[in-house]
């Protein structure tokens, strides 16, 4: 599995629950998931043909704390910690 962390920027982090992630390269078959510290998926979406380099994640309804953002594509997987204040 390739690590694609270097191809993805996430900001602001920490935030109040709204995050933007920006792809440095367009990726196909994108799967985006966010997990809480209990391992429960609290957010997810997929996009077969990524036509946009900038995407928004709204986690306003989630309690403050640390979460794991997992972005998977045909090129590999990115996992990054995000924090809701």
Protein backbone atom coordinates (compact mmCIF):
# COMPACT_ATOMS: atom_id res chain seq x y z
CA UNK A 1 0.00 0.00 0.00
CA UNK A 2 1.38 3.37 -1.00
CA UNK A 3 1.31 6.28 1.42
CA UNK A 4 -0.20 9.39 -0.20
CA UNK A 5 -0.01 11.75 2.82
CA UNK A 6 2.33 14.06 0.91
CA UNK A 7 -0.35 14.61 -1.77
CA UNK A 8 -3.04 15.88 0.64
CA UNK A 9 -3.24 19.10 2.67
CA UNK A 10 -5.83 19.39 5.47
CA UNK A 11 -6.72 22.71 7.06
CA UNK A 12 -7.54 24.24 9.45
CA UNK A 13 -6.44 21.61 11.92
CA UNK A 14 -7.53 21.89 14.68
CA UNK A 15 -10.89 23.41 13.77
CA UNK A 16 -14.41 23.84 15.14
CA UNK A 17 -15.56 20.93 12.97
CA UNK A 18 -15.19 22.17 9.39
CA UNK A 19 -12.16 20.92 7.50
CA UNK A 20 -10.92 21.40 3.96
CA UNK A 21 -8.71 18.89 2.26
CA UNK A 22 -6.87 19.75 -0.88
CA UNK A 23 -5.41 17.22 -3.27
CA UNK A 24 -2.10 18.08 -4.88
CA UNK A 25 -3.02 15.61 -7.61
CA UNK A 26 -6.45 14.48 -8.82
CA UNK A 27 -7.16 10.95 -7.63
CA UNK A 28 -9.67 8.43 -8.97
CA UNK A 29 -11.86 6.09 -6.93
CA UNK A 30 -11.52 8.24 -3.85
CA UNK A 31 -12.93 6.96 -0.54
CA UNK A 32 -13.00 9.37 2.40
CA UNK A 33 -13.79 8.19 5.93
CA UNK A 34 -13.51 9.76 9.37
CA UNK A 35 -13.35 7.60 12.50
CA UNK A 36 -13.67 8.58 16.15
CA UNK A 37 -11.31 7.25 18.84
CA UNK A 38 -13.61 4.25 19.37
CA UNK A 39 -13.10 3.22 15.74
CA UNK A 40 -16.64 4.15 14.70
CA UNK A 41 -17.05 5.75 11.28
CA UNK A 42 -18.65 9.17 11.74
CA UNK A 43 -18.33 10.47 8.17
CA UNK A 44 -17.78 9.09 4.71
CA UNK A 45 -18.14 9.67 1.01
CA UNK A 46 -16.77 8.30 -2.23
CA UNK A 47 -16.09 9.84 -5.60
CA UNK A 48 -15.27 7.67 -8.60
CA UNK A 49 -13.88 10.43 -10.83
CA UNK A 50 -12.32 13.12 -8.71
CA UNK A 51 -12.87 16.29 -10.71
CA UNK A 52 -12.26 18.65 -7.82
CA UNK A 53 -9.02 19.21 -5.94
CA UNK A 54 -10.69 20.86 -2.92
CA UNK A 55 -13.25 19.13 -0.69
CA UNK A 56 -15.01 20.10 2.51
CA UNK A 57 -15.76 17.91 5.51
CA UNK A 58 -18.37 19.09 8.01
CA UNK A 59 -18.09 17.42 11.41
CA UNK A 60 -19.96 20.15 13.33
CA UNK A 61 -22.26 17.62 14.99
CA UNK A 62 -19.37 15.58 16.39
CA UNK A 63 -18.02 16.21 19.90
CA UNK A 64 -14.62 17.83 20.31
CA UNK A 65 -11.68 15.46 20.27
CA UNK A 66 -9.30 13.64 17.98
CA UNK A 67 -10.44 11.84 14.82
CA UNK A 68 -8.71 9.83 12.12
CA UNK A 69 -9.22 10.92 8.52
CA UNK A 70 -8.60 8.12 6.03
CA UNK A 71 -8.40 8.91 2.33
CA UNK A 72 -7.96 5.98 -0.02
CA UNK A 73 -7.51 5.94 -3.80
CA UNK A 74 -6.03 3.76 -6.50
CA UNK A 75 -2.65 5.31 -5.62
CA UNK A 76 -2.67 4.43 -1.94
CA UNK A 77 -3.91 5.47 1.49
CA UNK A 78 -3.54 8.61 3.58
CA UNK A 79 -4.32 8.60 7.30
CA UNK A 80 -4.10 11.82 9.26
CA UNK A 81 -5.24 12.96 12.68
CA UNK A 82 -7.71 15.83 12.77
CA UNK A 83 -8.84 17.63 15.91
CA UNK A 84 -12.18 19.27 16.69
CA UNK A 85 -11.86 21.95 19.35
